[in-house]
């Protein structure tokens, strides 16, 4: 499968401009099976949800049209309106169908995301191009127990993010660690540049089931800022080979079998 991580500089709180940018990007490359954009792809990580929340899946519908036109699949982040709080969604679509629609489980309380967004309560997965694919959004990456649920029976977990440069080392470390501990592919796609007063260094990458960085077929730099890039990879679903060569998973003990003694 050919995947493209679009390390984009999101245009702040401007859905229409970001949708046009998405279309421009996916029209530039040939034979990409799956384009992955960062968390909150069409707004940036803003809490001013009244400016861009969606009652209907407007962004999803528009991106589905593009996916159909260019014969590909696209992962995009958007904000769903709620009765009180919104929801932080990431949806993967082809031109024919919605493959996956996931709601971020852990709102980022440090940035007061929890005051504006309700957390999801369901792991979502889909099948595409020979891969079982799951999603965890940004802050979800820090919570290993829920990530383990997402990684179960999964070959690739996608982590769209708005992860600031000040904690870039943690982003890379956690992506790599999750790949190693579950012997899966993990693709982290972050945003880039100065967005809404915060600097993002990008650091998007794909790690294989051994925790090694996958080889890039292409790194295409965009013009808006130095950090903004499209990173293209070819990955094969060979996780069985990795697991048979080093069968760690057979030694895993179920959490419900372990007694947590009192302190």
Protein backbone atom coordinates (compact mmCIF):
# COMPACT_ATOMS: atom_id res chain seq x y z
CA UNK A 1 0.00 0.00 0.00
CA UNK A 2 1.25 3.48 -0.87
CA UNK A 3 0.49 5.98 1.90
CA UNK A 4 1.10 9.72 2.00
CA UNK A 5 1.51 11.55 5.31
CA UNK A 6 0.51 15.15 4.64
CA UNK A 7 2.44 17.18 7.21
CA UNK A 8 0.38 20.28 6.52
CA UNK A 9 0.36 23.81 7.85
CA UNK A 10 -3.35 24.00 8.60
CA UNK A 11 -5.01 27.31 7.79
CA UNK A 12 -6.39 28.56 11.11
CA UNK A 13 -10.17 28.19 11.51
CA UNK A 14 -10.79 28.25 7.76
CA UNK A 15 -12.62 25.12 6.61
CA UNK A 16 -13.10 26.14 2.98
CA UNK A 17 -9.45 27.10 2.52
CA UNK A 18 -8.27 23.85 4.07
CA UNK A 19 -10.64 21.77 1.93
CA UNK A 20 -9.23 23.46 -1.18
CA UNK A 21 -5.72 22.77 0.08
CA UNK A 22 -6.55 19.09 0.60
CA UNK A 23 -7.86 18.84 -2.95
CA UNK A 24 -4.77 20.54 -4.37
CA UNK A 25 -2.46 18.16 -2.51
CA UNK A 26 -4.18 14.90 -3.46
CA UNK A 27 -4.32 15.98 -7.11
CA UNK A 28 -0.51 16.30 -7.24
CA UNK A 29 0.52 12.66 -6.80
CA UNK A 30 -0.15 9.46 -8.72
CA UNK A 31 -0.95 6.00 -7.35
CA UNK A 32 -1.28 6.95 -3.66
CA UNK A 33 -3.68 4.52 -1.96
CA UNK A 34 -4.22 6.47 1.25
CA UNK A 35 -3.67 10.15 2.12
CA UNK A 36 -3.49 10.93 5.83
CA UNK A 37 -3.95 14.50 7.11
CA UNK A 38 -3.39 15.77 10.68
CA UNK A 39 -5.90 16.01 13.52
CA UNK A 40 -8.57 18.72 12.99
CA UNK A 41 -7.38 18.99 9.39
CA UNK A 42 -9.85 21.67 8.35
CA UNK A 43 -9.65 24.02 11.35
CA UNK A 44 -6.45 23.63 13.33
CA UNK A 45 -6.47 22.82 17.04
CA UNK A 46 -8.82 25.66 17.96
CA UNK A 47 -11.37 25.70 20.77
CA UNK A 48 -13.49 28.30 18.92
CA UNK A 49 -15.76 25.52 17.75
CA UNK A 50 -18.71 27.76 16.84
CA UNK A 51 -16.68 28.88 13.82
CA UNK A 52 -16.25 25.47 12.23
CA UNK A 53 -18.34 22.76 13.96
CA UNK A 54 -20.51 20.72 11.60
CA UNK A 55 -24.09 19.57 12.14
CA UNK A 56 -23.80 17.31 9.10
CA UNK A 57 -20.73 15.59 7.68
CA UNK A 58 -20.01 18.37 5.21
CA UNK A 59 -16.24 17.90 5.23
CA UNK A 60 -16.58 14.14 4.91
CA UNK A 61 -18.91 14.48 1.92
CA UNK A 62 -16.59 16.91 0.15
CA UNK A 63 -13.54 14.74 0.77
CA UNK A 64 -15.42 11.64 -0.47
CA UNK A 65 -15.99 13.43 -3.76
CA UNK A 66 -12.27 14.14 -4.06
CA UNK A 67 -11.36 10.56 -3.15
CA UNK A 68 -13.66 9.33 -5.90
CA UNK A 69 -12.26 11.76 -8.45
CA UNK A 70 -8.66 10.76 -7.75
CA UNK A 71 -9.35 7.07 -7.01
CA UNK A 72 -7.81 7.05 -3.55
CA UNK A 73 -8.71 7.04 0.14
CA UNK A 74 -8.32 10.00 2.49
CA UNK A 75 -8.13 10.38 6.27
CA UNK A 76 -9.34 13.78 7.49
CA UNK A 77 -9.98 15.40 10.88
CA UNK A 78 -13.05 17.55 11.53
CA UNK A 79 -15.31 18.72 14.39
CA UNK A 80 -18.83 17.41 14.92
CA UNK A 81 -21.39 19.59 16.73
CA UNK A 82 -23.07 18.19 19.85
CA UNK A 83 -25.90 19.21 22.16
CA UNK A 84 -23.43 20.67 24.68
CA UNK A 85 -19.89 19.72 23.68
CA UNK A 86 -18.43 18.97 20.27
CA UNK A 87 -16.57 15.83 19.18
CA UNK A 88 -13.10 15.59 17.63
CA UNK A 89 -13.50 13.20 14.68
CA UNK A 90 -11.16 11.49 12.23
CA UNK A 91 -12.75 9.83 9.22
CA UNK A 92 -11.25 7.67 6.49
CA UNK A 93 -13.19 7.55 3.22
CA UNK A 94 -13.00 6.32 -0.34
CA UNK A 95 -15.14 7.70 -3.11
CA UNK A 96 -17.67 4.93 -2.49
CA UNK A 97 -17.88 4.64 1.29
CA UNK A 98 -16.92 5.77 4.74
CA UNK A 99 -14.42 3.20 5.98
CA UNK A 100 -13.98 4.47 9.53
CA UNK A 101 -15.24 7.32 11.73
CA UNK A 102 -13.45 7.63 15.08
CA UNK A 103 -14.03 10.08 17.93
CA UNK A 104 -10.99 11.08 20.03
CA UNK A 105 -11.32 9.31 23.37
CA UNK A 106 -9.03 11.56 25.46
CA UNK A 107 -9.62 15.34 25.19
CA UNK A 108 -6.44 17.24 26.11
CA UNK A 109 -7.29 18.80 29.47
CA UNK A 110 -4.01 20.76 29.65
CA UNK A 111 -5.25 22.82 26.67
CA UNK A 112 -8.86 22.85 27.97
CA UNK A 113 -10.03 20.65 25.12
CA UNK A 114 -12.17 18.82 27.67
CA UNK A 115 -14.21 22.01 28.18
CA UNK A 116 -15.20 22.04 24.51
CA UNK A 117 -15.10 18.39 23.42
CA UNK A 118 -16.70 15.20 24.71
CA UNK A 119 -14.50 12.12 24.51
CA UNK A 120 -15.51 9.12 22.43
CA UNK A 121 -16.09 5.69 23.93
CA UNK A 122 -15.51 3.35 21.01
CA UNK A 123 -12.54 1.88 19.18
CA UNK A 124 -13.02 1.87 15.41
CA UNK A 125 -11.24 -0.18 12.74
CA UNK A 126 -11.55 -0.81 9.01
CA UNK A 127 -10.17 -3.07 6.31
CA UNK A 128 -8.40 -1.47 3.35
CA UNK A 129 -5.81 -2.66 0.83
CA UNK A 130 -4.98 -5.77 2.85
CA UNK A 131 -4.55 -3.92 6.16
CA UNK A 132 -6.70 -3.82 9.26
CA UNK A 133 -6.45 -0.13 10.19
CA UNK A 134 -7.20 1.65 13.47
CA UNK A 135 -6.98 5.28 14.58
CA UNK A 136 -5.88 7.02 17.77
CA UNK A 137 -5.87 10.83 17.79
CA UNK A 138 -2.92 12.81 19.21
CA UNK A 139 -3.28 12.74 23.04
CA UNK A 140 -4.71 9.20 22.82
CA UNK A 141 -1.16 8.08 22.03
CA UNK A 142 -0.15 8.63 25.68
CA UNK A 143 -2.63 6.07 27.02
CA UNK A 144 -1.17 2.63 26.46
CA UNK A 145 -4.15 0.63 27.70
CA UNK A 146 -6.56 2.14 25.17
CA UNK A 147 -3.92 2.02 22.44
CA UNK A 148 -3.59 -1.71 23.17
CA UNK A 149 -7.31 -2.08 22.48
CA UNK A 150 -6.90 -0.20 19.19
CA UNK A 151 -3.88 -2.33 18.24
CA UNK A 152 -5.58 -5.68 18.88
CA UNK A 153 -6.19 -7.47 15.57
CA UNK A 154 -4.79 -4.40 13.78
CA UNK A 155 -1.91 -4.15 11.32
CA UNK A 156 -1.64 -0.35 11.13
CA UNK A 157 -2.67 2.32 13.63
CA UNK A 158 -2.85 5.88 12.31
CA UNK A 159 -2.13 8.72 14.76
CA UNK A 160 -3.22 12.12 13.36
CA UNK A 161 -1.96 14.89 15.64
CA UNK A 162 -1.47 18.53 16.52
CA UNK A 163 1.62 17.81 18.63
CA UNK A 164 3.71 20.90 19.50
CA UNK A 165 7.44 21.01 18.82
CA UNK A 166 8.18 21.51 22.52
CA UNK A 167 7.23 17.85 23.07
CA UNK A 168 8.42 16.46 19.72
CA UNK A 169 10.76 13.88 21.25
CA UNK A 170 7.85 12.39 23.20
CA UNK A 171 5.77 12.11 20.03
CA UNK A 172 8.47 10.17 18.20
CA UNK A 173 9.29 8.03 21.22
CA UNK A 174 5.66 7.02 21.80
CA UNK A 175 5.00 6.26 18.14
CA UNK A 176 8.05 3.99 18.06
CA UNK A 177 7.23 2.34 21.38
CA UNK A 178 3.65 1.54 20.34
CA UNK A 179 4.94 -0.09 17.14
CA UNK A 180 7.45 -2.19 19.08
CA UNK A 181 5.15 -3.35 21.87
CA UNK A 182 2.33 -4.42 19.54
CA UNK A 183 4.45 -5.45 16.53
CA UNK A 184 2.38 -3.34 14.16
CA UNK A 185 2.88 -0.42 11.80
CA UNK A 186 2.25 2.98 13.40
CA UNK A 187 1.88 6.08 11.23
CA UNK A 188 1.99 9.44 12.98
CA UNK A 189 0.95 12.46 10.91
CA UNK A 190 1.44 15.84 12.54
CA UNK A 191 0.87 19.41 11.40
CA UNK A 192 3.67 21.88 10.65
CA UNK A 193 4.77 25.48 11.19
CA UNK A 194 3.20 28.22 13.28
CA UNK A 195 -0.53 27.60 13.64
CA UNK A 196 -2.71 29.54 16.05
CA UNK A 197 0.31 30.83 17.95
CA UNK A 198 1.91 27.39 18.48
CA UNK A 199 4.92 26.00 16.63
CA UNK A 200 4.73 22.46 15.23
CA UNK A 201 7.91 20.82 13.92
CA UNK A 202 6.09 18.02 12.09
CA UNK A 203 8.05 14.85 12.94
CA UNK A 204 5.60 12.67 11.00
CA UNK A 205 6.81 9.14 10.30
CA UNK A 206 5.89 5.49 9.88
CA UNK A 207 7.44 2.86 12.17
CA UNK A 208 7.46 -0.83 11.30
CA UNK A 209 6.71 -3.71 13.74
CA UNK A 210 10.34 -3.70 14.93
CA UNK A 211 10.23 0.03 15.64
CA UNK A 212 12.41 1.00 12.68
CA UNK A 213 11.52 3.99 10.54
CA UNK A 214 10.11 2.93 7.20
CA UNK A 215 11.93 4.03 4.07
CA UNK A 216 10.38 7.00 2.30
CA UNK A 217 9.70 6.81 -1.42
CA UNK A 218 9.39 10.59 -1.66
CA UNK A 219 9.70 13.69 0.50
CA UNK A 220 8.06 16.61 -1.25
CA UNK A 221 8.52 19.98 0.43
CA UNK A 222 5.70 22.49 0.08
CA UNK A 223 6.22 26.22 -0.16
CA UNK A 224 4.29 27.65 2.78
CA UNK A 225 6.89 26.79 5.43
CA UNK A 226 10.02 24.64 5.72
CA UNK A 227 8.32 22.06 7.95
CA UNK A 228 5.37 21.48 5.60
CA UNK A 229 5.94 18.28 3.59
CA UNK A 230 4.29 15.30 1.95
CA UNK A 231 5.98 12.04 2.97
CA UNK A 232 5.20 9.01 0.82
CA UNK A 233 5.86 5.38 1.83
CA UNK A 234 5.26 1.90 0.45
CA UNK A 235 4.38 -0.60 3.19
CA UNK A 236 3.56 -4.30 2.89
CA UNK A 237 1.42 -6.17 5.38
CA UNK A 238 4.23 -8.40 6.59
CA UNK A 239 3.56 -8.27 10.34
CA UNK A 240 3.19 -12.07 10.47
CA UNK A 241 6.83 -12.34 9.39
CA UNK A 242 7.95 -10.04 12.21
CA UNK A 243 5.82 -11.84 14.79
CA UNK A 244 6.98 -15.31 13.77
CA UNK A 245 10.63 -14.22 13.82
CA UNK A 246 10.30 -12.78 17.35
CA UNK A 247 7.10 -14.19 18.96
CA UNK A 248 6.69 -11.74 21.83
CA UNK A 249 2.90 -11.66 21.69
CA UNK A 250 2.54 -15.31 22.71
CA UNK A 251 3.97 -14.40 26.14
CA UNK A 252 1.51 -11.60 26.84
CA UNK A 253 -0.47 -12.03 30.08
CA UNK A 254 -4.02 -10.67 30.10
CA UNK A 255 -4.49 -7.68 32.39
CA UNK A 256 -7.53 -9.28 34.04
CA UNK A 257 -5.29 -12.15 35.17
CA UNK A 258 -2.98 -9.88 37.18
CA UNK A 259 -3.72 -8.95 40.79
CA UNK A 260 -3.03 -5.31 41.63
CA UNK A 261 -2.05 -5.42 45.29
CA UNK A 262 -2.84 -2.61 47.68
CA UNK A 263 -0.07 -0.23 48.69
